């Protein structure tokens, strides 16, 4: 078996995280409680938002964020309304749209940034469009300023799937904070890890309160007496078990909250390390006509390093992957490639344009390798040598 020299993901835990876990064990409170609440407050402060709601995954964060918009009586989002999405993303960008009775409208992406453009979104808007769901791919912010302006111009809701891009910024503002809500993942392979976990951030009070209710059965238990979701009965016993929204059970556990607090303290250093590696990566592949690398927009947090095979390597991804694997370099497709080419599409209510040429190129010739918070100069040199040797 080949020894892994350049893994896709590694742990950023040390004694602080294990101490946080032990404190929860000794305290005896394992279900969602004060550690989760403290992490939410600290995360919102770090992102510069009024609120953050923790859930059990980034996938659940997407579901809760979109559901909060659907149940907001002021937004008028109804079954059959359209949500514009990029053709390249992960499955759980799309599934909540289907699960909530909305219609997906796919648009192509830009081959350089890997994100959808203002022009592509503008051309896709129809009278049925209600939401632009932008994805910041592999740490790289989309044109969030332009998309925000476009959404405002057409009276649309802008939401961000920022699960891969914690710590990315655009004009000094955190990605994930340009729309009604932003979502984040704290799964093992992401910028911070709470084992499993995700968050929704928002400045909007209804979105916050609805997310709090939706993550726990749609009840009023955690809502203030005066809230925007539904009036409480005034009887404390009844209000513990009063259901007002068709919610879910996607609560996190106390260990994840405690881990998040420890990881959040390290976030600036974790992102700085990734950006230092990115500078080396960009330098190593500048002018290489065999691959096309992601063009940074704003300040990426560099989730991973994408390689779009070009020139003599175009059409040879399987061969490249074999060579990388033989050298101990782990790789994987660029997120989900062109998601519309998956068999699951027969179950989704979606409009797919005839031309998704950029997404197809990414699907057929794209891959990415890992980035880490620690120096990986030798790993990048190995990567260059393998690519140059094919």
Protein backbone atom coordinates (compact mmCIF):
# COMPACT_ATOMS: atom_id res chain seq x y z
CA UNK A 1 0.00 0.00 0.00
CA UNK A 2 1.28 3.46 -0.94
CA UNK A 3 2.11 5.71 2.01
CA UNK A 4 0.08 8.92 1.99
CA UNK A 5 2.47 11.84 1.50
CA UNK A 6 -0.07 14.58 0.79
CA UNK A 7 -3.45 13.92 2.41
CA UNK A 8 -6.71 15.66 1.60
CA UNK A 9 -7.47 16.48 5.24
CA UNK A 10 -5.75 16.39 8.62
CA UNK A 11 -6.71 17.29 12.17
CA UNK A 12 -6.12 20.73 13.67
CA UNK A 13 -6.83 19.52 17.20
CA UNK A 14 -4.35 19.56 20.05
CA UNK A 15 -4.59 19.45 23.84
CA UNK A 16 -7.12 22.30 23.90
CA UNK A 17 -9.75 20.29 22.04
CA UNK A 18 -9.27 17.17 24.15
CA UNK A 19 -9.52 19.30 27.29
CA UNK A 20 -12.76 20.79 25.97
CA UNK A 21 -14.17 17.30 25.44
CA UNK A 22 -13.10 16.21 28.90
CA UNK A 23 -14.75 19.25 30.48
CA UNK A 24 -18.05 18.29 28.87
CA UNK A 25 -17.67 14.69 30.04
CA UNK A 26 -16.98 15.80 33.59
CA UNK A 27 -19.88 18.26 33.52
CA UNK A 28 -22.33 15.54 32.54
CA UNK A 29 -24.39 17.68 30.12
CA UNK A 30 -24.13 16.12 26.65
CA UNK A 31 -27.19 17.43 24.82
CA UNK A 32 -27.28 20.97 23.41
CA UNK A 33 -26.65 23.45 26.20
CA UNK A 34 -24.41 26.30 27.40
CA UNK A 35 -21.33 25.33 25.36
CA UNK A 36 -23.34 25.44 22.16
CA UNK A 37 -24.88 28.80 23.12
CA UNK A 38 -21.46 30.25 23.93
CA UNK A 39 -20.03 29.00 20.63
CA UNK A 40 -22.91 30.56 18.72
CA UNK A 41 -22.30 33.93 20.35
CA UNK A 42 -18.55 33.77 19.76
CA UNK A 43 -18.99 32.63 16.15
CA UNK A 44 -21.42 35.45 15.37
CA UNK A 45 -18.98 37.96 16.85
CA UNK A 46 -16.12 36.51 14.80
CA UNK A 47 -18.15 36.75 11.57
CA UNK A 48 -19.55 40.18 12.37
CA UNK A 49 -23.20 39.11 12.41
CA UNK A 50 -25.94 39.57 15.00
CA UNK A 51 -26.78 35.89 15.28
CA UNK A 52 -25.47 32.37 14.73
CA UNK A 53 -27.40 29.13 15.16
CA UNK A 54 -25.50 25.86 15.44
CA UNK A 55 -26.86 22.62 13.96
CA UNK A 56 -25.49 19.12 13.42
CA UNK A 57 -23.98 19.69 9.95
CA UNK A 58 -23.45 22.18 7.17
CA UNK A 59 -26.05 20.24 5.19
CA UNK A 60 -28.60 20.85 7.94
CA UNK A 61 -27.55 24.50 8.03
CA UNK A 62 -28.60 24.83 4.37
CA UNK A 63 -31.93 23.18 5.10
CA UNK A 64 -32.66 25.34 8.14
CA UNK A 65 -31.63 28.58 6.44
CA UNK A 66 -33.83 27.98 3.41
CA UNK A 67 -36.74 26.75 5.54
CA UNK A 68 -36.55 29.93 7.61
CA UNK A 69 -36.97 31.93 4.40
CA UNK A 70 -39.90 29.79 3.25
CA UNK A 71 -41.74 30.27 6.54
CA UNK A 72 -41.11 34.01 6.70
CA UNK A 73 -44.51 35.56 5.86
CA UNK A 74 -42.87 38.73 4.59
CA UNK A 75 -40.76 36.98 1.92
CA UNK A 76 -43.55 35.23 -0.02
CA UNK A 77 -41.52 32.18 -1.03
CA UNK A 78 -43.98 29.52 -2.18
CA UNK A 79 -43.93 26.01 -3.69
CA UNK A 80 -42.78 26.11 -7.30
CA UNK A 81 -40.80 29.33 -6.91
CA UNK A 82 -37.32 29.20 -8.37
CA UNK A 83 -33.95 29.20 -6.66
CA UNK A 84 -30.94 29.98 -8.86
CA UNK A 85 -27.98 27.71 -8.06
CA UNK A 86 -24.56 27.05 -9.60
CA UNK A 87 -24.13 23.78 -11.50
CA UNK A 88 -20.98 22.97 -9.51
CA UNK A 89 -21.52 22.38 -5.82
CA UNK A 90 -22.23 19.69 -3.26
CA UNK A 91 -25.49 17.72 -3.13
CA UNK A 92 -26.85 19.44 -0.06
CA UNK A 93 -26.82 22.83 -1.72
CA UNK A 94 -29.63 21.46 -3.88
CA UNK A 95 -31.60 18.98 -1.81
CA UNK A 96 -33.21 21.50 0.57
CA UNK A 97 -34.64 23.32 -2.45
CA UNK A 98 -36.37 20.13 -3.55
CA UNK A 99 -37.36 19.15 -0.02
CA UNK A 100 -39.11 22.49 0.51
CA UNK A 101 -41.07 22.30 -2.74
CA UNK A 102 -39.07 24.89 -4.67
CA UNK A 103 -37.60 24.59 -8.15
CA UNK A 104 -33.90 24.57 -8.95
CA UNK A 105 -32.66 26.75 -11.80
CA UNK A 106 -29.06 25.84 -12.61
CA UNK A 107 -26.51 28.24 -14.09
CA UNK A 108 -23.01 27.61 -15.35
CA UNK A 109 -19.91 28.74 -13.49
CA UNK A 110 -16.76 30.62 -14.38
CA UNK A 111 -13.79 28.40 -15.21
CA UNK A 112 -11.35 30.67 -13.41
CA UNK A 113 -13.09 31.39 -10.10
CA UNK A 114 -15.26 28.21 -10.19
CA UNK A 115 -18.17 30.37 -8.97
CA UNK A 116 -21.31 31.63 -10.70
CA UNK A 117 -21.12 35.12 -12.14
CA UNK A 118 -23.45 38.10 -11.95
CA UNK A 119 -23.96 37.82 -15.73
CA UNK A 120 -24.98 34.16 -15.56
CA UNK A 121 -27.42 34.80 -12.75
CA UNK A 122 -28.88 37.88 -14.41
CA UNK A 123 -29.58 35.93 -17.60
CA UNK A 124 -31.33 33.17 -15.62
CA UNK A 125 -33.82 35.34 -13.72
CA UNK A 126 -37.47 34.65 -14.58
CA UNK A 127 -40.75 35.93 -13.11
CA UNK A 128 -40.73 32.81 -10.89
CA UNK A 129 -37.30 33.53 -9.38
CA UNK A 130 -37.29 34.27 -5.66
CA UNK A 131 -33.86 33.28 -4.36
CA UNK A 132 -30.24 33.43 -5.50
CA UNK A 133 -28.36 30.73 -3.60
CA UNK A 134 -24.70 31.52 -4.17
CA UNK A 135 -21.94 29.04 -3.30
CA UNK A 136 -18.44 30.21 -2.39
CA UNK A 137 -16.46 27.27 -3.75
CA UNK A 138 -13.27 25.88 -2.19
CA UNK A 139 -12.73 28.94 0.00
CA UNK A 140 -13.13 31.45 -2.81
CA UNK A 141 -15.77 34.21 -2.50
CA UNK A 142 -18.05 34.68 -5.47
CA UNK A 143 -18.82 38.20 -6.68
CA UNK A 144 -20.92 38.78 -3.58
CA UNK A 145 -21.05 42.54 -3.98
CA UNK A 146 -22.33 42.28 -7.54
CA UNK A 147 -24.79 39.51 -6.66
CA UNK A 148 -26.06 41.52 -3.69
CA UNK A 149 -26.72 44.47 -5.99
CA UNK A 150 -28.43 42.22 -8.56
CA UNK A 151 -30.66 40.71 -5.88
CA UNK A 152 -31.63 44.16 -4.64
CA UNK A 153 -32.35 45.35 -8.18
CA UNK A 154 -34.78 42.50 -8.81
CA UNK A 155 -36.23 42.17 -5.33
CA UNK A 156 -34.69 38.74 -4.78
CA UNK A 157 -33.39 37.01 -1.68
CA UNK A 158 -29.63 36.40 -1.61
CA UNK A 159 -28.42 33.47 0.48
CA UNK A 160 -24.89 32.05 0.79
CA UNK A 161 -23.75 28.47 1.04
CA UNK A 162 -20.42 29.27 2.64
CA UNK A 163 -19.74 25.77 3.95
CA UNK A 164 -16.35 25.55 2.22
CA UNK A 165 -15.26 29.12 2.79
CA UNK A 166 -15.11 29.99 6.48
CA UNK A 167 -12.65 32.84 6.96
CA UNK A 168 -12.80 34.10 3.38
CA UNK A 169 -13.33 37.83 2.99
CA UNK A 170 -14.31 40.31 0.31
CA UNK A 171 -13.56 44.00 0.83
CA UNK A 172 -12.88 43.24 4.48
CA UNK A 173 -16.25 41.56 5.06
CA UNK A 174 -16.64 37.85 5.80
CA UNK A 175 -18.10 35.63 3.10
CA UNK A 176 -21.37 34.28 4.41
CA UNK A 177 -22.56 37.70 5.59
CA UNK A 178 -23.67 39.36 2.34
CA UNK A 179 -27.15 37.85 2.15
CA UNK A 180 -30.16 37.10 4.30
CA UNK A 181 -28.23 34.19 5.78
CA UNK A 182 -24.97 32.31 5.41
CA UNK A 183 -24.16 28.68 6.16
CA UNK A 184 -20.98 27.02 7.38
CA UNK A 185 -19.69 23.51 7.98
CA UNK A 186 -17.43 22.35 10.80
CA UNK A 187 -17.02 18.79 9.55
CA UNK A 188 -13.61 17.14 9.99
CA UNK A 189 -12.18 18.19 6.64
CA UNK A 190 -13.18 21.86 6.93
CA UNK A 191 -11.43 24.93 8.29
CA UNK A 192 -12.51 24.17 11.83
CA UNK A 193 -13.72 20.80 13.07
CA UNK A 194 -16.31 19.99 15.70
CA UNK A 195 -16.49 16.34 14.52
CA UNK A 196 -19.85 17.06 12.86
CA UNK A 197 -21.45 20.47 12.85
CA UNK A 198 -22.69 23.49 10.98
CA UNK A 199 -23.97 27.02 11.55
CA UNK A 200 -26.36 29.57 10.13
CA UNK A 201 -25.52 33.26 10.51
CA UNK A 202 -27.91 36.15 9.97
CA UNK A 203 -28.64 39.73 10.95
CA UNK A 204 -32.37 39.16 10.43
CA UNK A 205 -34.36 38.55 13.61
CA UNK A 206 -37.08 36.38 12.06
CA UNK A 207 -34.51 34.19 10.31
CA UNK A 208 -32.68 33.72 13.59
CA UNK A 209 -35.77 32.88 15.62
CA UNK A 210 -37.18 30.59 12.94
CA UNK A 211 -33.84 28.75 12.70
CA UNK A 212 -33.82 28.24 16.48
CA UNK A 213 -37.33 26.79 16.31
CA UNK A 214 -36.78 24.71 13.15
CA UNK A 215 -33.65 22.95 14.41
CA UNK A 216 -35.62 21.51 17.35
CA UNK A 217 -38.98 20.17 16.16
CA UNK A 218 -40.41 23.60 15.31
CA UNK A 219 -41.35 24.28 18.91
CA UNK A 220 -41.38 27.54 20.84
CA UNK A 221 -39.35 26.33 23.81
CA UNK A 222 -36.19 28.32 23.10
CA UNK A 223 -37.92 31.42 21.72
CA UNK A 224 -38.35 34.58 23.78
CA UNK A 225 -41.79 35.36 25.17
CA UNK A 226 -42.12 38.15 22.61
CA UNK A 227 -41.04 36.60 19.32
CA UNK A 228 -41.68 36.93 15.59
CA UNK A 229 -42.46 33.28 14.84
CA UNK A 230 -45.61 32.63 16.89
CA UNK A 231 -47.06 34.00 20.12
CA UNK A 232 -46.45 31.87 23.19
CA UNK A 233 -49.42 30.63 25.17
CA UNK A 234 -48.32 32.25 28.42
CA UNK A 235 -48.37 28.91 30.22
CA UNK A 236 -44.75 27.82 30.80
CA UNK A 237 -45.63 24.13 30.90
CA UNK A 238 -47.52 24.28 27.61
CA UNK A 239 -44.81 26.37 25.93
CA UNK A 240 -42.26 23.61 26.49
CA UNK A 241 -44.18 21.45 24.02
CA UNK A 242 -45.89 23.91 21.69
CA UNK A 243 -45.18 23.24 17.98
CA UNK A 244 -45.55 26.08 15.49
CA UNK A 245 -43.36 25.21 12.47
CA UNK A 246 -42.83 21.89 10.64
CA UNK A 247 -39.32 21.58 11.98
CA UNK A 248 -36.60 18.97 12.27
CA UNK A 249 -34.28 17.54 14.87
CA UNK A 250 -30.87 18.75 13.75
CA UNK A 251 -29.52 19.92 17.09
CA UNK A 252 -25.79 19.72 17.83
CA UNK A 253 -24.35 18.20 21.00
CA UNK A 254 -22.42 19.93 23.77
CA UNK A 255 -19.12 18.36 22.75
CA UNK A 256 -19.39 19.98 19.34
CA UNK A 257 -20.07 23.37 20.89
CA UNK A 258 -17.08 23.03 23.21
CA UNK A 259 -14.86 21.96 20.33
CA UNK A 260 -16.06 24.90 18.27
CA UNK A 261 -15.05 27.34 20.98
CA UNK A 262 -11.52 25.89 21.10
CA UNK A 263 -11.22 25.80 17.32
CA UNK A 264 -12.54 29.33 16.85
CA UNK A 265 -9.67 30.71 18.93
CA UNK A 266 -7.28 29.17 16.41
CA UNK A 267 -9.15 30.27 13.30
CA UNK A 268 -6.97 33.29 12.39
CA UNK A 269 -3.84 31.13 12.56
CA UNK A 270 -5.47 28.27 10.65
CA UNK A 271 -6.47 30.60 7.82
CA UNK A 272 -3.06 32.32 7.79
CA UNK A 273 -1.35 28.96 7.38
CA UNK A 274 -3.61 28.02 4.48
CA UNK A 275 -2.95 31.34 2.76
CA UNK A 276 0.79 30.92 3.10
CA UNK A 277 0.53 27.54 1.42
CA UNK A 278 -1.69 29.05 -1.28
CA UNK A 279 0.97 31.63 -2.15
CA UNK A 280 3.40 28.77 -2.77
CA UNK A 281 0.81 26.81 -4.77
CA UNK A 282 0.03 29.76 -7.02
CA UNK A 283 3.73 30.43 -7.52
CA UNK A 284 4.48 26.79 -8.37
CA UNK A 285 1.77 26.58 -11.02
CA UNK A 286 1.96 30.07 -12.51
CA UNK A 287 2.32 29.74 -16.26
CA UNK A 288 1.92 25.93 -16.25
CA UNK A 289 0.03 25.13 -19.45
CA UNK A 290 -1.00 21.67 -18.23
CA UNK A 291 -3.36 22.91 -15.53
CA UNK A 292 -5.61 25.82 -14.79
CA UNK A 293 -5.84 26.86 -11.14
CA UNK A 294 -8.56 28.76 -9.32
CA UNK A 295 -8.34 32.55 -9.54
CA UNK A 296 -8.75 34.16 -6.15
CA UNK A 297 -11.54 36.68 -5.70
CA UNK A 298 -11.14 38.81 -2.61
CA UNK A 299 -9.24 36.88 0.05
CA UNK A 300 -9.83 33.14 -0.25
CA UNK A 301 -9.53 30.85 2.75
CA UNK A 302 -8.23 28.15 0.37
CA UNK A 303 -10.22 25.07 1.35
CA UNK A 304 -8.21 23.08 -1.20
CA UNK A 305 -6.21 23.52 -4.39
CA UNK A 306 -8.09 22.86 -7.63
CA UNK A 307 -6.43 21.68 -10.80
CA UNK A 308 -8.32 21.87 -14.08
CA UNK A 309 -6.43 19.70 -16.55
CA UNK A 310 -5.64 21.53 -19.76
CA UNK A 311 -3.43 21.25 -22.82
CA UNK A 312 -1.78 17.84 -23.09
CA UNK A 313 -3.50 16.62 -19.91
CA UNK A 314 -7.06 17.42 -21.01
CA UNK A 315 -9.13 14.25 -21.10
CA UNK A 316 -6.59 12.31 -19.05
CA UNK A 317 -7.89 12.74 -15.51
CA UNK A 318 -7.97 9.02 -14.72
CA UNK A 319 -4.31 8.77 -15.66
CA UNK A 320 -3.43 11.81 -13.58
CA UNK A 321 -5.30 10.48 -10.55
CA UNK A 322 -3.44 7.17 -10.83
CA UNK A 323 -0.11 8.98 -10.96
CA UNK A 324 -1.01 11.12 -7.95
CA UNK A 325 -2.17 8.08 -5.99
CA UNK A 326 1.04 6.21 -6.81
CA UNK A 327 2.99 9.15 -5.38
CA UNK A 328 0.92 9.20 -2.20
CA UNK A 329 -1.13 12.29 -3.12
CA UNK A 330 -4.83 12.10 -2.31
CA UNK A 331 -7.21 13.86 -4.70
CA UNK A 332 -10.91 14.05 -5.42
CA UNK A 333 -13.28 15.68 -7.94
CA UNK A 334 -13.99 19.39 -7.64
CA UNK A 335 -16.85 19.15 -5.15
CA UNK A 336 -19.67 17.40 -7.10
CA UNK A 337 -18.55 18.35 -10.60
CA UNK A 338 -21.47 19.19 -12.87
CA UNK A 339 -24.16 18.07 -10.47
CA UNK A 340 -26.80 17.90 -13.20
CA UNK A 341 -25.05 14.82 -14.61
CA UNK A 342 -25.97 12.76 -11.54
CA UNK A 343 -28.77 10.15 -11.71
CA UNK A 344 -30.52 11.83 -8.77
CA UNK A 345 -31.62 14.60 -11.13
CA UNK A 346 -34.63 12.49 -12.17
CA UNK A 347 -35.99 13.10 -8.67
CA UNK A 348 -35.44 16.86 -8.65
CA UNK A 349 -37.68 19.63 -9.95
CA UNK A 350 -35.13 21.58 -11.94
CA UNK A 351 -34.42 23.65 -15.00
CA UNK A 352 -31.12 22.68 -16.59
CA UNK A 353 -29.81 24.88 -19.40
CA UNK A 354 -28.60 23.29 -22.62
CA UNK A 355 -25.10 24.72 -22.20
CA UNK A 356 -23.14 23.99 -19.03
CA UNK A 357 -19.79 23.83 -20.79
CA UNK A 358 -17.70 25.15 -17.91
CA UNK A 359 -19.34 22.78 -15.43
CA UNK A 360 -18.79 19.92 -17.90
CA UNK A 361 -15.11 20.79 -18.20
CA UNK A 362 -14.83 20.78 -14.40
CA UNK A 363 -16.72 17.49 -14.25
CA UNK A 364 -14.44 15.77 -16.75
CA UNK A 365 -11.07 17.40 -16.13
CA UNK A 366 -11.23 18.82 -12.61
CA UNK A 367 -9.76 17.59 -9.36
CA UNK A 368 -8.44 19.08 -6.18
CA UNK A 369 -5.81 18.28 -3.59
CA UNK A 370 -5.73 19.22 0.06
CA UNK A 371 -4.59 22.32 1.85
CA UNK A 372 -3.64 22.48 5.50
CA UNK A 373 -2.92 24.89 8.32
CA UNK A 374 0.74 23.82 8.52
CA UNK A 375 3.52 24.28 5.92
CA UNK A 376 3.31 21.90 2.95
CA UNK A 377 6.12 23.13 0.71
CA UNK A 378 7.56 19.65 0.17
CA UNK A 379 4.09 18.26 -0.60
CA UNK A 380 3.54 20.97 -3.21
CA UNK A 381 6.93 20.23 -4.74
CA UNK A 382 5.91 16.58 -5.00
CA UNK A 383 2.66 17.60 -6.67
CA UNK A 384 4.50 19.71 -9.24
CA UNK A 385 6.93 16.90 -10.00
CA UNK A 386 4.12 14.41 -10.61
CA UNK A 387 2.19 16.79 -12.90
CA UNK A 388 5.35 17.71 -14.79
CA UNK A 389 6.19 14.03 -15.21
CA UNK A 390 2.98 13.05 -16.96
